[in-house]
Amino acid sequence: MATTTLQWEVLATAKEAARLAGKHMRAHLGSVSATAASKSNKDDLVTVVDKQCQEIIAAQIAAKHPTHRMLGEEDVDAGSDASKAAIRSMDGTQWLWVVDPIDGTTNFVHGRPASVVSIAVALDGVVVVGVIYDPYRDELFSALRGHGTHLNDVAVHVSKKELTFSQALVGFGIGTKPSVRLPMLDVIALFSSTCRGLRLQGAAALELAWVSCGRQTVKIET
């Protein structure tokens, strides 16, 4: 797929939208616990700020690319089945923005600066743009299909230092359901004796960004 001028423009919009939403997120870190509510269980939180950040991103998309469609996490019910159904409902969409306005909401509610804005943009079902913004470190990870990954506009790449799994720094997520958490604990027990170290950040997109720039070897999520 050849890169078009429009794809570069979409990348620029995604970066700007992520920065604006991230600024709003950072300004409210740890101040909204009283307004937090659960989507499906005590660990799957959504706040007023999640919705506000999503609205900020939606406004940017509407202003710059009015014919594009957006699928925001706050518009989708909890659970993998609901997520799959939401994606299927967008079949045939030429330009689709998939947005998680705050990945790491539980961290955000507790005042832990480990949450990010995550945006992906698909063209005819193929992801061509990805942006992850960490507002606390002012680090913007971006990628355009075929052009590599950049951190604050400087090219980055995965780590080449770890040659064996015993040298790997492994990030993992344990999910929000006991049916997922218990098997993952078994995996963690196995990996703890075979890799260099294990990390649980509570923000999958943040850890994937770190993998892309070599700060972490791998990310495991169920």
N, C-alpha and C. Protein backbone atom coordinates (compact mmCIF):
# COMPACT_ATOMS: atom_id res chain seq x y z
N MET A 1 0.85 -1.20 0.00
CA MET A 1 0.00 0.00 0.00
C MET A 1 0.88 1.25 0.00
N ALA A 2 0.77 2.06 -1.05
CA ALA A 2 1.56 3.28 -1.13
C ALA A 2 1.03 4.32 -0.14
N THR A 3 1.96 5.06 0.44
CA THR A 3 1.57 6.11 1.38
C THR A 3 1.10 7.34 0.63
N THR A 4 -0.04 7.86 1.01
CA THR A 4 -0.59 9.04 0.34
C THR A 4 -0.46 10.27 1.23
N THR A 5 -0.64 11.43 0.59
CA THR A 5 -0.62 12.68 1.35
C THR A 5 -1.68 12.67 2.44
N LEU A 6 -2.84 12.09 2.14
CA LEU A 6 -3.92 12.04 3.13
C LEU A 6 -3.50 11.23 4.35
N GLN A 7 -2.76 10.15 4.15
CA GLN A 7 -2.31 9.35 5.30
C GLN A 7 -1.39 10.17 6.21
N TRP A 8 -0.52 10.97 5.63
CA TRP A 8 0.33 11.85 6.44
C TRP A 8 -0.52 12.87 7.19
N GLU A 9 -1.56 13.37 6.54
CA GLU A 9 -2.45 14.33 7.20
C GLU A 9 -3.21 13.67 8.35
N VAL A 10 -3.63 12.44 8.14
CA VAL A 10 -4.32 11.70 9.21
C VAL A 10 -3.38 11.49 10.39
N LEU A 11 -2.13 11.15 10.11
CA LEU A 11 -1.15 10.99 11.19
C LEU A 11 -1.00 12.29 11.97
N ALA A 12 -0.91 13.40 11.27
CA ALA A 12 -0.76 14.70 11.95
C ALA A 12 -1.98 15.00 12.83
N THR A 13 -3.16 14.70 12.33
CA THR A 13 -4.38 14.91 13.12
C THR A 13 -4.39 14.02 14.35
N ALA A 14 -4.01 12.76 14.18
CA ALA A 14 -3.99 11.83 15.31
C ALA A 14 -3.02 12.30 16.38
N LYS A 15 -1.86 12.78 15.97
CA LYS A 15 -0.88 13.27 16.94
C LYS A 15 -1.40 14.49 17.69
N GLU A 16 -2.02 15.41 16.96
CA GLU A 16 -2.57 16.61 17.61
C GLU A 16 -3.70 16.25 18.56
N ALA A 17 -4.58 15.36 18.13
CA ALA A 17 -5.71 14.95 18.97
C ALA A 17 -5.22 14.26 20.24
N ALA A 18 -4.21 13.41 20.10
CA ALA A 18 -3.67 12.70 21.26
C ALA A 18 -3.05 13.67 22.26
N ARG A 19 -2.34 14.66 21.76
CA ARG A 19 -1.74 15.65 22.66
C ARG A 19 -2.81 16.46 23.40
N LEU A 20 -3.85 16.85 22.70
CA LEU A 20 -4.91 17.64 23.34
C LEU A 20 -5.63 16.82 24.40
N ALA A 21 -5.96 15.57 24.07
CA ALA A 21 -6.62 14.71 25.06
C ALA A 21 -5.69 14.40 26.22
N GLY A 22 -4.42 14.19 25.92
CA GLY A 22 -3.45 13.91 26.97
C GLY A 22 -3.26 15.07 27.93
N LYS A 23 -3.30 16.28 27.40
CA LYS A 23 -3.20 17.46 28.26
C LYS A 23 -4.36 17.51 29.24
N HIS A 24 -5.55 17.18 28.75
CA HIS A 24 -6.73 17.16 29.62
C HIS A 24 -6.61 16.05 30.66
N MET A 25 -6.14 14.90 30.24
CA MET A 25 -5.95 13.78 31.16
C MET A 25 -4.98 14.16 32.28
N ARG A 26 -3.83 14.71 31.90
CA ARG A 26 -2.80 15.06 32.88
C ARG A 26 -3.32 16.07 33.90
N ALA A 27 -4.13 17.00 33.45
CA ALA A 27 -4.65 18.05 34.34
C ALA A 27 -5.59 17.50 35.40
N HIS A 28 -6.14 16.30 35.17
CA HIS A 28 -7.12 15.73 36.11
C HIS A 28 -6.63 14.45 36.77
N LEU A 29 -5.35 14.16 36.67
CA LEU A 29 -4.80 12.93 37.25
C LEU A 29 -5.14 12.82 38.73
N GLY A 30 -5.78 11.72 39.11
CA GLY A 30 -6.04 11.43 40.52
C GLY A 30 -7.13 12.26 41.16
N SER A 31 -7.83 13.08 40.38
CA SER A 31 -8.81 14.00 40.99
C SER A 31 -10.25 13.58 40.77
N VAL A 32 -10.46 12.39 40.19
CA VAL A 32 -11.82 12.04 39.78
C VAL A 32 -12.29 10.71 40.35
N SER A 33 -11.68 10.23 41.42
CA SER A 33 -12.06 8.92 41.93
C SER A 33 -13.53 8.86 42.33
N ALA A 34 -14.06 9.99 42.78
CA ALA A 34 -15.46 9.99 43.22
C ALA A 34 -16.42 9.83 42.05
N THR A 35 -15.96 10.12 40.84
CA THR A 35 -16.84 10.02 39.68
C THR A 35 -16.59 8.75 38.88
N ALA A 36 -15.72 7.88 39.37
CA ALA A 36 -15.43 6.65 38.65
C ALA A 36 -16.59 5.67 38.77
N ALA A 37 -16.87 4.99 37.69
CA ALA A 37 -17.91 3.97 37.68
C ALA A 37 -17.38 2.73 36.99
N SER A 38 -18.00 1.60 37.23
CA SER A 38 -17.56 0.35 36.62
C SER A 38 -18.38 0.05 35.38
N LYS A 39 -17.68 -0.41 34.33
CA LYS A 39 -18.39 -0.90 33.15
C LYS A 39 -19.01 -2.26 33.44
N SER A 40 -18.16 -3.18 33.99
CA SER A 40 -18.66 -4.54 34.19
C SER A 40 -18.26 -5.13 35.54
N ASN A 41 -17.18 -4.63 36.13
CA ASN A 41 -16.74 -5.12 37.43
C ASN A 41 -15.90 -4.05 38.09
N LYS A 42 -15.45 -4.33 39.31
CA LYS A 42 -14.75 -3.31 40.09
C LYS A 42 -13.44 -2.87 39.47
N ASP A 43 -12.89 -3.65 38.53
CA ASP A 43 -11.59 -3.33 37.94
C ASP A 43 -11.69 -2.66 36.57
N ASP A 44 -12.88 -2.62 36.00
CA ASP A 44 -13.07 -2.05 34.66
C ASP A 44 -13.75 -0.70 34.81
N LEU A 45 -12.94 0.34 35.02
CA LEU A 45 -13.46 1.65 35.38
C LEU A 45 -13.60 2.57 34.16
N VAL A 46 -14.53 3.50 34.28
CA VAL A 46 -14.66 4.58 33.30
C VAL A 46 -14.97 5.85 34.09
N THR A 47 -14.40 6.97 33.70
CA THR A 47 -14.61 8.22 34.41
C THR A 47 -15.16 9.28 33.46
N VAL A 48 -15.58 10.38 34.05
CA VAL A 48 -16.01 11.53 33.26
C VAL A 48 -14.88 11.98 32.34
N VAL A 49 -13.65 11.90 32.82
CA VAL A 49 -12.52 12.38 32.03
C VAL A 49 -12.28 11.48 30.82
N ASP A 50 -12.50 10.16 30.96
CA ASP A 50 -12.43 9.28 29.78
C ASP A 50 -13.33 9.83 28.67
N LYS A 51 -14.55 10.14 29.05
CA LYS A 51 -15.54 10.60 28.06
C LYS A 51 -15.16 11.96 27.50
N GLN A 52 -14.64 12.83 28.36
CA GLN A 52 -14.22 14.15 27.89
C GLN A 52 -13.05 14.05 26.92
N CYS A 53 -12.10 13.18 27.23
CA CYS A 53 -10.95 12.99 26.34
C CYS A 53 -11.40 12.43 25.00
N GLN A 54 -12.35 11.51 25.03
CA GLN A 54 -12.86 10.95 23.79
C GLN A 54 -13.56 12.04 22.96
N GLU A 55 -14.28 12.92 23.62
CA GLU A 55 -14.96 14.01 22.92
C GLU A 55 -13.95 14.97 22.28
N ILE A 56 -12.83 15.20 22.96
CA ILE A 56 -11.78 16.06 22.41
C ILE A 56 -11.24 15.46 21.11
N ILE A 57 -11.00 14.16 21.13
CA ILE A 57 -10.48 13.49 19.94
C ILE A 57 -11.52 13.50 18.83
N ALA A 58 -12.77 13.21 19.18
CA ALA A 58 -13.84 13.19 18.19
C ALA A 58 -13.99 14.55 17.51
N ALA A 59 -13.83 15.62 18.27
CA ALA A 59 -13.95 16.96 17.70
C ALA A 59 -12.85 17.24 16.68
N GLN A 60 -11.65 16.76 16.97
CA GLN A 60 -10.54 16.94 16.02
C GLN A 60 -10.79 16.17 14.74
N ILE A 61 -11.28 14.94 14.87
CA ILE A 61 -11.57 14.13 13.68
C ILE A 61 -12.66 14.80 12.85
N ALA A 62 -13.73 15.24 13.51
CA ALA A 62 -14.85 15.87 12.80
C ALA A 62 -14.42 17.14 12.07
N ALA A 63 -13.51 17.88 12.69
CA ALA A 63 -13.06 19.14 12.09
C ALA A 63 -12.14 18.92 10.90
N LYS A 64 -11.26 17.92 11.01
CA LYS A 64 -10.24 17.72 9.97
C LYS A 64 -10.65 16.68 8.92
N HIS A 65 -11.42 15.69 9.35
CA HIS A 65 -11.78 14.58 8.44
C HIS A 65 -13.25 14.23 8.65
N PRO A 66 -14.15 15.09 8.23
CA PRO A 66 -15.58 14.93 8.56
C PRO A 66 -16.23 13.67 7.99
N THR A 67 -15.63 13.06 6.99
CA THR A 67 -16.24 11.84 6.42
C THR A 67 -15.76 10.57 7.12
N HIS A 68 -14.79 10.69 8.02
CA HIS A 68 -14.26 9.53 8.72
C HIS A 68 -15.19 9.13 9.87
N ARG A 69 -15.13 7.87 10.25
CA ARG A 69 -15.93 7.37 11.38
C ARG A 69 -15.00 7.05 12.55
N MET A 70 -15.54 7.11 13.75
CA MET A 70 -14.76 6.82 14.95
C MET A 70 -15.46 5.77 15.80
N LEU A 71 -14.69 4.85 16.33
CA LEU A 71 -15.17 3.87 17.30
C LEU A 71 -14.40 4.11 18.59
N GLY A 72 -15.06 4.68 19.58
CA GLY A 72 -14.41 4.99 20.84
C GLY A 72 -14.72 3.95 21.89
N GLU A 73 -13.75 3.68 22.76
CA GLU A 73 -13.95 2.65 23.78
C GLU A 73 -15.15 2.97 24.66
N GLU A 74 -15.38 4.25 24.91
CA GLU A 74 -16.48 4.62 25.81
C GLU A 74 -17.85 4.44 25.16
N ASP A 75 -17.87 4.10 23.87
CA ASP A 75 -19.13 3.82 23.19
C ASP A 75 -19.43 2.33 23.11
N VAL A 76 -18.53 1.52 23.65
CA VAL A 76 -18.65 0.06 23.52
C VAL A 76 -18.85 -0.55 24.90
N ASP A 77 -19.79 -1.48 25.01
CA ASP A 77 -20.01 -2.18 26.27
C ASP A 77 -18.79 -3.02 26.63
N ALA A 78 -18.70 -3.40 27.89
CA ALA A 78 -17.58 -4.20 28.36
C ALA A 78 -17.62 -5.60 27.76
N GLY A 79 -16.45 -6.21 27.65
CA GLY A 79 -16.36 -7.59 27.21
C GLY A 79 -15.90 -7.74 25.78
N SER A 80 -15.21 -8.86 25.51
CA SER A 80 -14.67 -9.10 24.18
C SER A 80 -15.76 -9.28 23.13
N ASP A 81 -16.88 -9.87 23.52
CA ASP A 81 -17.97 -10.06 22.55
C ASP A 81 -18.51 -8.72 22.06
N ALA A 82 -18.65 -7.78 22.99
CA ALA A 82 -19.13 -6.45 22.61
C ALA A 82 -18.13 -5.74 21.71
N SER A 83 -16.85 -5.92 22.00
CA SER A 83 -15.81 -5.30 21.17
C SER A 83 -15.84 -5.86 19.75
N LYS A 84 -15.97 -7.18 19.64
CA LYS A 84 -16.03 -7.81 18.32
C LYS A 84 -17.26 -7.34 17.54
N ALA A 85 -18.38 -7.24 18.23
CA ALA A 85 -19.61 -6.79 17.58
C ALA A 85 -19.47 -5.35 17.10
N ALA A 86 -18.81 -4.52 17.90
CA ALA A 86 -18.63 -3.12 17.52
C ALA A 86 -17.76 -3.00 16.27
N ILE A 87 -16.70 -3.80 16.21
CA ILE A 87 -15.84 -3.79 15.03
C ILE A 87 -16.61 -4.27 13.81
N ARG A 88 -17.39 -5.34 13.98
CA ARG A 88 -18.16 -5.87 12.85
C ARG A 88 -19.17 -4.84 12.33
N SER A 89 -19.69 -4.03 13.24
CA SER A 89 -20.68 -3.03 12.83
C SER A 89 -20.07 -1.96 11.94
N MET A 90 -18.74 -1.89 11.93
CA MET A 90 -18.04 -0.90 11.11
C MET A 90 -17.54 -1.48 9.79
N ASP A 91 -17.90 -2.70 9.47
CA ASP A 91 -17.49 -3.32 8.21
C ASP A 91 -17.86 -2.42 7.03
N GLY A 92 -16.92 -2.28 6.11
CA GLY A 92 -17.18 -1.46 4.93
C GLY A 92 -16.80 0.00 5.10
N THR A 93 -16.38 0.39 6.31
CA THR A 93 -15.97 1.77 6.55
C THR A 93 -14.60 2.01 5.92
N GLN A 94 -14.47 3.06 5.13
CA GLN A 94 -13.18 3.32 4.49
C GLN A 94 -12.15 3.80 5.50
N TRP A 95 -12.47 4.88 6.21
CA TRP A 95 -11.56 5.40 7.22
C TRP A 95 -12.21 5.23 8.60
N LEU A 96 -11.56 4.45 9.46
CA LEU A 96 -12.09 4.18 10.80
C LEU A 96 -11.03 4.48 11.85
N TRP A 97 -11.38 5.35 12.78
CA TRP A 97 -10.51 5.67 13.91
C TRP A 97 -10.97 4.85 15.12
N VAL A 98 -10.04 4.12 15.71
CA VAL A 98 -10.33 3.32 16.90
C VAL A 98 -9.58 3.97 18.07
N VAL A 99 -10.33 4.40 19.07
CA VAL A 99 -9.78 5.28 20.10
C VAL A 99 -10.00 4.72 21.50
N ASP A 100 -8.93 4.68 22.28
CA ASP A 100 -9.03 4.48 23.72
C ASP A 100 -8.53 5.77 24.36
N PRO A 101 -9.42 6.62 24.84
CA PRO A 101 -9.01 7.94 25.32
C PRO A 101 -8.11 7.90 26.55
N ILE A 102 -8.32 6.91 27.42
CA ILE A 102 -7.43 6.70 28.57
C ILE A 102 -7.21 5.20 28.72
N ASP A 103 -6.07 4.72 28.26
CA ASP A 103 -5.71 3.33 28.51
C ASP A 103 -4.94 3.31 29.83
N GLY A 104 -5.50 2.65 30.82
CA GLY A 104 -4.93 2.67 32.16
C GLY A 104 -5.79 3.52 33.08
N THR A 105 -7.10 3.40 32.96
CA THR A 105 -8.01 4.24 33.75
C THR A 105 -7.86 4.00 35.25
N THR A 106 -7.64 2.76 35.66
CA THR A 106 -7.48 2.48 37.09
C THR A 106 -6.26 3.21 37.64
N ASN A 107 -5.15 3.19 36.89
CA ASN A 107 -3.98 3.96 37.29
C ASN A 107 -4.34 5.44 37.41
N PHE A 108 -5.05 5.94 36.42
CA PHE A 108 -5.44 7.36 36.39
C PHE A 108 -6.26 7.74 37.62
N VAL A 109 -7.24 6.92 37.96
CA VAL A 109 -8.10 7.20 39.11
C VAL A 109 -7.30 7.25 40.40
N HIS A 110 -6.29 6.40 40.51
CA HIS A 110 -5.48 6.34 41.73
C HIS A 110 -4.32 7.34 41.74
N GLY A 111 -4.24 8.18 40.72
CA GLY A 111 -3.17 9.17 40.68
C GLY A 111 -1.83 8.62 40.26
N ARG A 112 -1.84 7.44 39.67
CA ARG A 112 -0.59 6.81 39.21
C ARG A 112 -0.33 7.24 37.77
N PRO A 113 0.78 7.92 37.48
CA PRO A 113 1.00 8.46 36.14
C PRO A 113 1.45 7.39 35.15
N ALA A 114 0.55 6.47 34.88
CA ALA A 114 0.81 5.39 33.92
C ALA A 114 -0.47 5.13 33.13
N SER A 115 -0.87 6.12 32.36
CA SER A 115 -2.02 5.98 31.47
C SER A 115 -1.72 6.79 30.22
N VAL A 116 -2.28 6.36 29.10
CA VAL A 116 -1.95 6.97 27.82
C VAL A 116 -3.20 7.13 26.95
N VAL A 117 -3.07 7.97 25.94
CA VAL A 117 -4.06 8.07 24.87
C VAL A 117 -3.62 7.12 23.76
N SER A 118 -4.55 6.32 23.26
CA SER A 118 -4.22 5.36 22.21
C SER A 118 -5.17 5.54 21.02
N ILE A 119 -4.59 5.73 19.83
CA ILE A 119 -5.38 5.94 18.62
C ILE A 119 -4.83 5.08 17.49
N ALA A 120 -5.71 4.36 16.82
CA ALA A 120 -5.34 3.64 15.60
C ALA A 120 -6.30 4.07 14.50
N VAL A 121 -5.79 4.15 13.28
CA VAL A 121 -6.63 4.53 12.15
C VAL A 121 -6.48 3.49 11.05
N ALA A 122 -7.61 2.94 10.61
CA ALA A 122 -7.60 1.92 9.57
C ALA A 122 -8.18 2.47 8.27
N LEU A 123 -7.56 2.08 7.17
CA LEU A 123 -8.03 2.42 5.83
C LEU A 123 -8.45 1.13 5.15
N ASP A 124 -9.74 1.01 4.86
CA ASP A 124 -10.28 -0.21 4.24
C ASP A 124 -9.87 -1.46 5.01
N GLY A 125 -9.93 -1.36 6.34
CA GLY A 125 -9.67 -2.51 7.20
C GLY A 125 -8.22 -2.77 7.53
N VAL A 126 -7.31 -1.94 7.02
CA VAL A 126 -5.88 -2.10 7.28
C VAL A 126 -5.40 -0.92 8.12
N VAL A 127 -4.79 -1.20 9.26
CA VAL A 127 -4.30 -0.12 10.12
C VAL A 127 -3.11 0.56 9.44
N VAL A 128 -3.21 1.87 9.26
CA VAL A 128 -2.14 2.62 8.59
C VAL A 128 -1.49 3.66 9.51
N VAL A 129 -2.17 4.02 10.60
CA VAL A 129 -1.65 5.02 11.53
C VAL A 129 -1.85 4.54 12.95
N GLY A 130 -0.84 4.74 13.78
CA GLY A 130 -0.96 4.45 15.20
C GLY A 130 -0.28 5.53 16.02
N VAL A 131 -0.93 5.95 17.09
CA VAL A 131 -0.37 6.98 17.98
C VAL A 131 -0.66 6.59 19.42
N ILE A 132 0.36 6.67 20.26
CA ILE A 132 0.22 6.48 21.70
C ILE A 132 0.90 7.66 22.37
N TYR A 133 0.17 8.36 23.22
CA TYR A 133 0.74 9.54 23.88
C TYR A 133 0.73 9.38 25.38
N ASP A 134 1.92 9.52 25.97
CA ASP A 134 2.10 9.51 27.42
C ASP A 134 2.23 10.96 27.87
N PRO A 135 1.18 11.54 28.44
CA PRO A 135 1.21 12.96 28.76
C PRO A 135 2.09 13.31 29.95
N TYR A 136 2.41 12.34 30.78
CA TYR A 136 3.20 12.62 31.98
C TYR A 136 4.68 12.75 31.65
N ARG A 137 5.13 12.06 30.63
CA ARG A 137 6.52 12.16 30.17
C ARG A 137 6.62 12.98 28.89
N ASP A 138 5.49 13.44 28.39
CA ASP A 138 5.41 14.14 27.11
C ASP A 138 6.10 13.33 26.02
N GLU A 139 5.74 12.06 25.94
CA GLU A 139 6.31 11.17 24.93
C GLU A 139 5.20 10.73 23.97
N LEU A 140 5.39 11.05 22.69
CA LEU A 140 4.41 10.70 21.68
C LEU A 140 5.02 9.68 20.72
N PHE A 141 4.49 8.47 20.79
CA PHE A 141 4.91 7.39 19.90
C PHE A 141 3.97 7.40 18.69
N SER A 142 4.54 7.35 17.51
CA SER A 142 3.70 7.39 16.31
C SER A 142 4.26 6.47 15.24
N ALA A 143 3.36 5.97 14.41
CA ALA A 143 3.78 5.09 13.32
C ALA A 143 2.85 5.28 12.13
N LEU A 144 3.45 5.33 10.95
CA LEU A 144 2.72 5.32 9.69
C LEU A 144 3.16 4.07 8.94
N ARG A 145 2.21 3.30 8.47
CA ARG A 145 2.52 2.02 7.84
C ARG A 145 3.61 2.18 6.78
N GLY A 146 4.67 1.38 6.95
CA GLY A 146 5.78 1.40 6.01
C GLY A 146 6.87 2.41 6.33
N HIS A 147 6.70 3.17 7.43
CA HIS A 147 7.66 4.22 7.74
C HIS A 147 8.23 4.09 9.16
N GLY A 148 8.06 2.96 9.79
CA GLY A 148 8.65 2.75 11.10
C GLY A 148 7.95 3.49 12.22
N THR A 149 8.55 3.38 13.40
CA THR A 149 7.99 4.00 14.61
C THR A 149 8.88 5.15 15.04
N HIS A 150 8.25 6.20 15.55
CA HIS A 150 8.99 7.37 16.01
C HIS A 150 8.53 7.74 17.42
N LEU A 151 9.47 8.23 18.21
CA LEU A 151 9.20 8.77 19.53
C LEU A 151 9.56 10.24 19.50
N ASN A 152 8.56 11.09 19.64
CA ASN A 152 8.75 12.54 19.50
C ASN A 152 9.51 12.86 18.22
N ASP A 153 9.11 12.18 17.14
CA ASP A 153 9.61 12.39 15.78
C ASP A 153 11.03 11.90 15.55
N VAL A 154 11.57 11.12 16.48
CA VAL A 154 12.88 10.49 16.30
C VAL A 154 12.66 8.99 16.13
N ALA A 155 13.26 8.40 15.10
CA ALA A 155 13.06 6.98 14.82
C ALA A 155 13.54 6.11 15.97
N VAL A 156 12.76 5.09 16.32
CA VAL A 156 13.12 4.13 17.37
C VAL A 156 12.88 2.72 16.85
N HIS A 157 13.39 1.74 17.59
CA HIS A 157 13.20 0.35 17.19
C HIS A 157 13.22 -0.54 18.43
N VAL A 158 12.76 -1.76 18.26
CA VAL A 158 12.75 -2.70 19.37
C VAL A 158 14.18 -3.02 19.80
N SER A 159 14.31 -3.54 21.01
CA SER A 159 15.62 -3.85 21.54
C SER A 159 16.29 -4.99 20.77
N LYS A 160 17.58 -4.85 20.56
CA LYS A 160 18.37 -5.90 19.93
C LYS A 160 19.36 -6.52 20.93
N LYS A 161 19.23 -6.13 22.20
CA LYS A 161 20.19 -6.58 23.21
C LYS A 161 19.87 -7.96 23.76
N GLU A 162 18.57 -8.28 23.83
CA GLU A 162 18.18 -9.55 24.44
C GLU A 162 18.21 -10.65 23.39
N LEU A 163 19.16 -11.55 23.51
CA LEU A 163 19.32 -12.62 22.52
C LEU A 163 18.62 -13.90 22.95
N THR A 164 18.32 -14.03 24.24
CA THR A 164 17.62 -15.20 24.75
C THR A 164 16.51 -14.73 25.70
N PHE A 165 15.55 -15.62 25.95
CA PHE A 165 14.45 -15.26 26.84
C PHE A 165 14.95 -14.99 28.25
N SER A 166 16.04 -15.60 28.63
CA SER A 166 16.58 -15.38 29.98
C SER A 166 17.05 -13.94 30.17
N GLN A 167 17.25 -13.22 29.07
CA GLN A 167 17.66 -11.82 29.14
C GLN A 167 16.48 -10.85 28.99
N ALA A 168 15.30 -11.38 28.82
CA ALA A 168 14.14 -10.56 28.48
C ALA A 168 13.49 -9.90 29.69
N LEU A 169 13.05 -8.67 29.49
CA LEU A 169 12.19 -7.98 30.45
C LEU A 169 10.76 -8.09 29.91
N VAL A 170 9.91 -8.79 30.63
CA VAL A 170 8.59 -9.17 30.13
C VAL A 170 7.49 -8.39 30.84
N GLY A 171 6.67 -7.72 30.07
CA GLY A 171 5.49 -7.07 30.62
C GLY A 171 4.28 -7.95 30.42
N PHE A 172 3.35 -7.89 31.34
CA PHE A 172 2.17 -8.75 31.23
C PHE A 172 0.95 -8.03 31.78
N GLY A 173 -0.22 -8.50 31.35
CA GLY A 173 -1.49 -8.03 31.89
C GLY A 173 -2.27 -9.22 32.40
N ILE A 174 -3.01 -9.03 33.48
CA ILE A 174 -3.72 -10.17 34.06
C ILE A 174 -5.23 -10.06 33.90
N GLY A 175 -5.70 -9.04 33.17
CA GLY A 175 -7.12 -8.94 32.90
C GLY A 175 -7.94 -8.53 34.12
N THR A 176 -9.25 -8.50 33.92
CA THR A 176 -10.15 -8.07 34.99
C THR A 176 -11.08 -9.18 35.46
N LYS A 177 -11.03 -10.33 34.80
CA LYS A 177 -11.90 -11.45 35.16
C LYS A 177 -11.09 -12.56 35.81
N PRO A 178 -11.62 -13.20 36.87
CA PRO A 178 -10.92 -14.33 37.49
C PRO A 178 -10.58 -15.44 36.49
N SER A 179 -11.44 -15.64 35.51
CA SER A 179 -11.20 -16.70 34.52
C SER A 179 -9.96 -16.41 33.68
N VAL A 180 -9.57 -15.15 33.62
CA VAL A 180 -8.36 -14.76 32.90
C VAL A 180 -7.18 -14.64 33.85
N ARG A 181 -7.43 -14.07 35.01
CA ARG A 181 -6.35 -13.80 35.95
C ARG A 181 -5.68 -15.08 36.46
N LEU A 182 -6.46 -16.07 36.81
CA LEU A 182 -5.88 -17.28 37.40
C LEU A 182 -4.93 -17.99 36.44
N PRO A 183 -5.31 -18.21 35.17
CA PRO A 183 -4.35 -18.81 34.24
C PRO A 183 -3.11 -17.95 34.03
N MET A 184 -3.28 -16.61 34.02
CA MET A 184 -2.13 -15.74 33.84
C MET A 184 -1.17 -15.83 35.01
N LEU A 185 -1.68 -16.05 36.20
CA LEU A 185 -0.80 -16.22 37.35
C LEU A 185 0.08 -17.46 37.19
N ASP A 186 -0.47 -18.50 36.58
CA ASP A 186 0.34 -19.69 36.30
C ASP A 186 1.44 -19.37 35.29
N VAL A 187 1.11 -18.57 34.28
CA VAL A 187 2.11 -18.16 33.29
C VAL A 187 3.20 -17.33 33.95
N ILE A 188 2.78 -16.42 34.82
CA ILE A 188 3.75 -15.57 35.53
C ILE A 188 4.70 -16.42 36.37
N ALA A 189 4.15 -17.40 37.06
CA ALA A 189 4.99 -18.28 37.88
C ALA A 189 6.02 -19.00 37.02
N LEU A 190 5.62 -19.42 35.83
CA LEU A 190 6.54 -20.10 34.92
C LEU A 190 7.62 -19.15 34.42
N PHE A 191 7.19 -17.97 33.99
CA PHE A 191 8.14 -17.01 33.42
C PHE A 191 9.10 -16.44 34.46
N SER A 192 8.65 -16.36 35.71
CA SER A 192 9.48 -15.73 36.74
C SER A 192 10.82 -16.41 36.91
N SER A 193 10.88 -17.68 36.57
CA SER A 193 12.15 -18.41 36.72
C SER A 193 12.92 -18.52 35.42
N THR A 194 12.36 -17.96 34.33
CA THR A 194 13.03 -18.14 33.04
C THR A 194 13.40 -16.83 32.34
N CYS A 195 12.87 -15.70 32.80
CA CYS A 195 13.23 -14.42 32.18
C CYS A 195 13.94 -13.53 33.20
N ARG A 196 14.47 -12.43 32.73
CA ARG A 196 15.22 -11.53 33.61
C ARG A 196 14.32 -10.80 34.60
N GLY A 197 13.14 -10.41 34.16
CA GLY A 197 12.25 -9.68 35.06
C GLY A 197 10.85 -9.58 34.50
N LEU A 198 9.89 -9.40 35.39
CA LEU A 198 8.48 -9.25 35.03
C LEU A 198 7.98 -7.88 35.47
N ARG A 199 7.13 -7.28 34.66
CA ARG A 199 6.57 -5.97 34.99
C ARG A 199 5.07 -5.95 34.69
N LEU A 200 4.31 -5.34 35.60
CA LEU A 200 2.87 -5.15 35.41
C LEU A 200 2.58 -3.66 35.56
N GLN A 201 2.27 -2.98 34.46
CA GLN A 201 2.05 -1.54 34.49
C GLN A 201 0.58 -1.16 34.55
N GLY A 202 -0.30 -2.03 34.04
CA GLY A 202 -1.72 -1.71 34.05
C GLY A 202 -2.15 -0.80 32.91
N ALA A 203 -1.32 -0.73 31.87
CA ALA A 203 -1.67 0.07 30.68
C ALA A 203 -1.01 -0.61 29.48
N ALA A 204 -1.77 -1.42 28.77
CA ALA A 204 -1.20 -2.24 27.70
C ALA A 204 -0.56 -1.40 26.60
N ALA A 205 -1.23 -0.32 26.20
CA ALA A 205 -0.70 0.50 25.12
C ALA A 205 0.64 1.13 25.51
N LEU A 206 0.77 1.54 26.76
CA LEU A 206 2.03 2.11 27.23
C LEU A 206 3.15 1.09 27.10
N GLU A 207 2.89 -0.14 27.51
CA GLU A 207 3.93 -1.16 27.44
C GLU A 207 4.27 -1.53 26.00
N LEU A 208 3.28 -1.54 25.12
CA LEU A 208 3.56 -1.79 23.70
C LEU A 208 4.45 -0.68 23.13
N ALA A 209 4.20 0.55 23.55
CA ALA A 209 5.05 1.66 23.12
C ALA A 209 6.48 1.45 23.61
N TRP A 210 6.61 0.99 24.84
CA TRP A 210 7.95 0.74 25.38
C TRP A 210 8.66 -0.39 24.65
N VAL A 211 7.90 -1.40 24.25
CA VAL A 211 8.50 -2.47 23.44
C VAL A 211 9.03 -1.88 22.13
N SER A 212 8.27 -0.97 21.54
CA SER A 212 8.65 -0.41 20.24
C SER A 212 9.95 0.38 20.29
N CYS A 213 10.30 0.89 21.48
CA CYS A 213 11.53 1.69 21.58
C CYS A 213 12.62 1.00 22.39
N GLY A 214 12.40 -0.28 22.74
CA GLY A 214 13.46 -1.05 23.37
C GLY A 214 13.52 -1.00 24.88
N ARG A 215 12.55 -0.38 25.54
CA ARG A 215 12.57 -0.31 27.00
C ARG A 215 12.08 -1.60 27.65
N GLN A 216 11.40 -2.41 26.89
CA GLN A 216 10.84 -3.67 27.36
C GLN A 216 10.94 -4.64 26.20
N THR A 217 11.18 -5.91 26.50
CA THR A 217 11.41 -6.88 25.43
C THR A 217 10.12 -7.36 24.79
N VAL A 218 9.12 -7.64 25.61
CA VAL A 218 7.89 -8.22 25.10
C VAL A 218 6.73 -7.84 26.01
N LYS A 219 5.52 -7.87 25.47
CA LYS A 219 4.31 -7.63 26.25
C LYS A 219 3.35 -8.78 26.03
N ILE A 220 2.87 -9.38 27.11
CA ILE A 220 1.93 -10.50 27.04
C ILE A 220 0.61 -10.05 27.63
N GLU A 221 -0.46 -10.19 26.85
CA GLU A 221 -1.78 -9.75 27.28
C GLU A 221 -2.80 -10.79 26.83
N THR A 222 -3.78 -11.08 27.67
CA THR A 222 -4.81 -12.05 27.28
C THR A 222 -6.11 -11.33 26.96
